[in-house]
Amino acid sequence: MLTDTVVIEIAFMAMTVAAKMAAPVLLTALGVGFVISLFQSVTQIQEATLSFVPKAVAIGAVLLLTGNWMLREMMTFTVQIYEKIPSLLG
């Protein structure tokens, strides 16, 4: 049966999976952005592409490295949700 507790549990699981999926990309963008802005402030180069291109390359590399793990995590979450459907309806 779908109670308030079950809904909160499913929402918590979904937010946890979303945070785990976003963490590698966001932390990479944060780290690269910090290094680039530190470099820009030291050298006083204010070029917009200097900030964008390294971030895009780093995020692409992180997605290539962690994509398989992200897919497995999403598949595990989806299977867990589908397995709960009979107990939620019954």
N, C-alpha and C. Protein backbone atom coordinates (compact mmCIF):
# COMPACT_ATOMS: atom_id res chain seq x y z
N MET A 1 0.84 -1.18 0.00
CA MET A 1 0.00 0.00 0.00
C MET A 1 0.88 1.24 0.00
N LEU A 2 0.44 2.25 -0.68
CA LEU A 2 1.23 3.46 -0.85
C LEU A 2 0.93 4.44 0.29
N THR A 3 1.80 4.41 1.30
CA THR A 3 1.63 5.31 2.44
C THR A 3 2.59 6.48 2.32
N ASP A 4 2.46 7.41 3.24
CA ASP A 4 3.36 8.57 3.23
C ASP A 4 4.81 8.14 3.41
N THR A 5 5.03 7.16 4.24
CA THR A 5 6.39 6.68 4.50
C THR A 5 7.02 6.08 3.25
N VAL A 6 6.24 5.33 2.50
CA VAL A 6 6.75 4.70 1.28
C VAL A 6 7.08 5.77 0.24
N VAL A 7 6.22 6.75 0.11
CA VAL A 7 6.46 7.83 -0.84
C VAL A 7 7.74 8.59 -0.48
N ILE A 8 7.91 8.87 0.79
CA ILE A 8 9.12 9.58 1.24
C ILE A 8 10.36 8.71 1.01
N GLU A 9 10.24 7.41 1.24
CA GLU A 9 11.37 6.50 1.01
C GLU A 9 11.77 6.47 -0.47
N ILE A 10 10.78 6.39 -1.35
CA ILE A 10 11.06 6.38 -2.79
C ILE A 10 11.67 7.71 -3.23
N ALA A 11 11.13 8.81 -2.72
CA ALA A 11 11.67 10.13 -3.06
C ALA A 11 13.11 10.28 -2.56
N PHE A 12 13.38 9.76 -1.36
CA PHE A 12 14.74 9.82 -0.82
C PHE A 12 15.69 8.99 -1.67
N MET A 13 15.24 7.81 -2.09
CA MET A 13 16.07 6.97 -2.96
C MET A 13 16.35 7.68 -4.28
N ALA A 14 15.34 8.32 -4.85
CA ALA A 14 15.51 9.02 -6.12
C ALA A 14 16.48 10.19 -5.98
N MET A 15 16.36 10.94 -4.89
CA MET A 15 17.27 12.08 -4.69
C MET A 15 18.70 11.61 -4.43
N THR A 16 18.85 10.49 -3.75
CA THR A 16 20.18 9.95 -3.49
C THR A 16 20.84 9.52 -4.80
N VAL A 17 20.08 8.83 -5.65
CA VAL A 17 20.63 8.41 -6.94
C VAL A 17 20.96 9.63 -7.80
N ALA A 18 20.10 10.63 -7.79
CA ALA A 18 20.36 11.85 -8.57
C ALA A 18 21.62 12.56 -8.09
N ALA A 19 21.81 12.61 -6.78
CA ALA A 19 23.02 13.25 -6.24
C ALA A 19 24.27 12.46 -6.62
N LYS A 20 24.17 11.12 -6.57
CA LYS A 20 25.32 10.29 -6.95
C LYS A 20 25.64 10.44 -8.43
N MET A 21 24.62 10.63 -9.26
CA MET A 21 24.85 10.80 -10.70
C MET A 21 25.48 12.17 -11.01
N ALA A 22 25.04 13.18 -10.28
CA ALA A 22 25.50 14.54 -10.56
C ALA A 22 26.86 14.85 -9.95
N ALA A 23 27.23 14.15 -8.88
CA ALA A 23 28.45 14.49 -8.15
C ALA A 23 29.72 14.47 -8.99
N PRO A 24 30.01 13.44 -9.78
CA PRO A 24 31.26 13.47 -10.54
C PRO A 24 31.35 14.64 -11.51
N VAL A 25 30.24 14.92 -12.19
CA VAL A 25 30.25 16.02 -13.17
C VAL A 25 30.37 17.36 -12.47
N LEU A 26 29.59 17.56 -11.41
CA LEU A 26 29.62 18.85 -10.72
C LEU A 26 30.95 19.11 -10.02
N LEU A 27 31.50 18.08 -9.39
CA LEU A 27 32.79 18.27 -8.71
C LEU A 27 33.91 18.52 -9.71
N THR A 28 33.85 17.87 -10.86
CA THR A 28 34.85 18.12 -11.90
C THR A 28 34.74 19.55 -12.42
N ALA A 29 33.52 19.98 -12.70
CA ALA A 29 33.32 21.36 -13.18
C ALA A 29 33.77 22.37 -12.13
N LEU A 30 33.50 22.07 -10.87
CA LEU A 30 33.92 22.97 -9.79
C LEU A 30 35.44 23.04 -9.70
N GLY A 31 36.09 21.89 -9.72
CA GLY A 31 37.55 21.87 -9.62
C GLY A 31 38.23 22.54 -10.80
N VAL A 32 37.80 22.20 -12.01
CA VAL A 32 38.41 22.81 -13.20
C VAL A 32 38.11 24.30 -13.24
N GLY A 33 36.89 24.69 -12.91
CA GLY A 33 36.54 26.11 -12.89
C GLY A 33 37.38 26.89 -11.89
N PHE A 34 37.62 26.29 -10.72
CA PHE A 34 38.44 26.96 -9.72
C PHE A 34 39.87 27.14 -10.21
N VAL A 35 40.44 26.10 -10.80
CA VAL A 35 41.82 26.18 -11.30
C VAL A 35 41.92 27.20 -12.42
N ILE A 36 40.96 27.20 -13.33
CA ILE A 36 40.99 28.15 -14.44
C ILE A 36 40.81 29.59 -13.94
N SER A 37 39.90 29.81 -13.01
CA SER A 37 39.72 31.19 -12.53
C SER A 37 40.92 31.64 -11.71
N LEU A 38 41.57 30.73 -11.01
CA LEU A 38 42.81 31.08 -10.32
C LEU A 38 43.89 31.46 -11.33
N PHE A 39 43.99 30.69 -12.41
CA PHE A 39 44.95 30.99 -13.47
C PHE A 39 44.63 32.34 -14.13
N GLN A 40 43.34 32.59 -14.36
CA GLN A 40 42.95 33.86 -14.98
C GLN A 40 43.24 35.05 -14.07
N SER A 41 43.04 34.88 -12.79
CA SER A 41 43.29 36.00 -11.88
C SER A 41 44.79 36.25 -11.72
N VAL A 42 45.59 35.21 -11.79
CA VAL A 42 47.04 35.38 -11.66
C VAL A 42 47.62 36.02 -12.92
N THR A 43 47.16 35.57 -14.09
CA THR A 43 47.71 36.08 -15.35
C THR A 43 46.93 37.26 -15.91
N GLN A 44 45.80 37.58 -15.33
CA GLN A 44 44.92 38.67 -15.77
C GLN A 44 44.45 38.48 -17.21
N ILE A 45 44.30 37.21 -17.62
CA ILE A 45 43.73 36.89 -18.93
C ILE A 45 42.23 36.68 -18.71
N GLN A 46 41.41 37.46 -19.38
CA GLN A 46 39.96 37.34 -19.21
C GLN A 46 39.32 36.87 -20.51
N GLU A 47 39.69 35.70 -20.95
CA GLU A 47 39.16 35.11 -22.17
C GLU A 47 38.05 34.12 -21.80
N ALA A 48 36.87 34.25 -22.39
CA ALA A 48 35.73 33.40 -22.05
C ALA A 48 35.96 31.95 -22.45
N THR A 49 36.59 31.74 -23.61
CA THR A 49 36.82 30.37 -24.07
C THR A 49 37.83 29.65 -23.20
N LEU A 50 38.70 30.38 -22.55
CA LEU A 50 39.68 29.76 -21.66
C LEU A 50 38.99 29.07 -20.48
N SER A 51 37.84 29.57 -20.11
CA SER A 51 37.07 28.95 -19.04
C SER A 51 36.20 27.81 -19.53
N PHE A 52 35.62 27.96 -20.71
CA PHE A 52 34.64 26.98 -21.20
C PHE A 52 35.26 25.71 -21.74
N VAL A 53 36.27 25.82 -22.57
CA VAL A 53 36.83 24.65 -23.26
C VAL A 53 37.42 23.63 -22.29
N PRO A 54 38.25 24.02 -21.32
CA PRO A 54 38.78 23.00 -20.40
C PRO A 54 37.69 22.32 -19.58
N LYS A 55 36.66 23.08 -19.19
CA LYS A 55 35.54 22.47 -18.45
C LYS A 55 34.83 21.44 -19.32
N ALA A 56 34.57 21.78 -20.56
CA ALA A 56 33.87 20.87 -21.47
C ALA A 56 34.69 19.60 -21.69
N VAL A 57 35.98 19.74 -21.86
CA VAL A 57 36.84 18.57 -22.07
C VAL A 57 36.88 17.71 -20.81
N ALA A 58 37.03 18.34 -19.65
CA ALA A 58 37.10 17.59 -18.40
C ALA A 58 35.78 16.87 -18.11
N ILE A 59 34.67 17.53 -18.35
CA ILE A 59 33.37 16.90 -18.11
C ILE A 59 33.15 15.75 -19.09
N GLY A 60 33.56 15.92 -20.33
CA GLY A 60 33.47 14.83 -21.30
C GLY A 60 34.29 13.63 -20.86
N ALA A 61 35.50 13.88 -20.35
CA ALA A 61 36.35 12.79 -19.87
C ALA A 61 35.72 12.09 -18.67
N VAL A 62 35.15 12.87 -17.75
CA VAL A 62 34.50 12.27 -16.58
C VAL A 62 33.30 11.43 -17.00
N LEU A 63 32.54 11.91 -17.95
CA LEU A 63 31.39 11.13 -18.42
C LEU A 63 31.83 9.84 -19.09
N LEU A 64 32.94 9.88 -19.82
CA LEU A 64 33.47 8.65 -20.41
C LEU A 64 33.95 7.67 -19.34
N LEU A 65 34.57 8.20 -18.30
CA LEU A 65 35.11 7.33 -17.25
C LEU A 65 34.03 6.78 -16.33
N THR A 66 33.02 7.56 -16.03
CA THR A 66 32.01 7.15 -15.05
C THR A 66 30.67 6.78 -15.67
N GLY A 67 30.57 6.82 -17.00
CA GLY A 67 29.30 6.55 -17.66
C GLY A 67 28.78 5.15 -17.39
N ASN A 68 29.66 4.16 -17.41
CA ASN A 68 29.24 2.78 -17.16
C ASN A 68 28.71 2.63 -15.74
N TRP A 69 29.39 3.21 -14.78
CA TRP A 69 28.93 3.17 -13.39
C TRP A 69 27.58 3.87 -13.25
N MET A 70 27.43 5.04 -13.89
CA MET A 70 26.16 5.76 -13.81
C MET A 70 25.01 4.93 -14.39
N LEU A 71 25.27 4.26 -15.51
CA LEU A 71 24.25 3.43 -16.12
C LEU A 71 23.86 2.28 -15.21
N ARG A 72 24.84 1.64 -14.58
CA ARG A 72 24.54 0.54 -13.65
C ARG A 72 23.73 1.03 -12.46
N GLU A 73 24.08 2.20 -11.92
CA GLU A 73 23.33 2.76 -10.78
C GLU A 73 21.88 3.05 -11.17
N MET A 74 21.68 3.63 -12.33
CA MET A 74 20.32 3.93 -12.78
C MET A 74 19.53 2.65 -13.03
N MET A 75 20.17 1.64 -13.60
CA MET A 75 19.49 0.38 -13.83
C MET A 75 19.12 -0.30 -12.51
N THR A 76 20.01 -0.25 -11.54
CA THR A 76 19.72 -0.83 -10.23
C THR A 76 18.54 -0.12 -9.58
N PHE A 77 18.53 1.19 -9.63
CA PHE A 77 17.42 1.97 -9.05
C PHE A 77 16.10 1.62 -9.74
N THR A 78 16.13 1.56 -11.07
CA THR A 78 14.91 1.27 -11.82
C THR A 78 14.39 -0.13 -11.49
N VAL A 79 15.29 -1.11 -11.40
CA VAL A 79 14.88 -2.47 -11.05
C VAL A 79 14.28 -2.49 -9.64
N GLN A 80 14.88 -1.76 -8.70
CA GLN A 80 14.34 -1.72 -7.33
C GLN A 80 12.94 -1.12 -7.31
N ILE A 81 12.73 -0.08 -8.09
CA ILE A 81 11.40 0.55 -8.14
C ILE A 81 10.39 -0.41 -8.75
N TYR A 82 10.76 -1.06 -9.85
CA TYR A 82 9.84 -2.01 -10.49
C TYR A 82 9.53 -3.20 -9.58
N GLU A 83 10.51 -3.65 -8.81
CA GLU A 83 10.27 -4.75 -7.89
C GLU A 83 9.31 -4.36 -6.75
N LYS A 84 9.24 -3.07 -6.43
CA LYS A 84 8.35 -2.61 -5.36
C LYS A 84 6.92 -2.42 -5.83
N ILE A 85 6.68 -2.40 -7.11
CA ILE A 85 5.35 -2.11 -7.62
C ILE A 85 4.28 -3.07 -7.07
N PRO A 86 4.51 -4.40 -7.07
CA PRO A 86 3.45 -5.28 -6.54
C PRO A 86 3.11 -5.00 -5.08
N SER A 87 4.11 -4.71 -4.26
CA SER A 87 3.81 -4.42 -2.86
C SER A 87 3.13 -3.07 -2.69
N LEU A 88 3.39 -2.15 -3.59
CA LEU A 88 2.73 -0.84 -3.53
C LEU A 88 1.26 -0.92 -3.94
N LEU A 89 0.96 -1.80 -4.87
CA LEU A 89 -0.41 -1.93 -5.35
C LEU A 89 -1.26 -2.84 -4.46
N GLY A 90 -0.58 -3.76 -3.75
CA GLY A 90 -1.31 -4.76 -2.98
C GLY A 90 -1.74 -4.25 -1.65
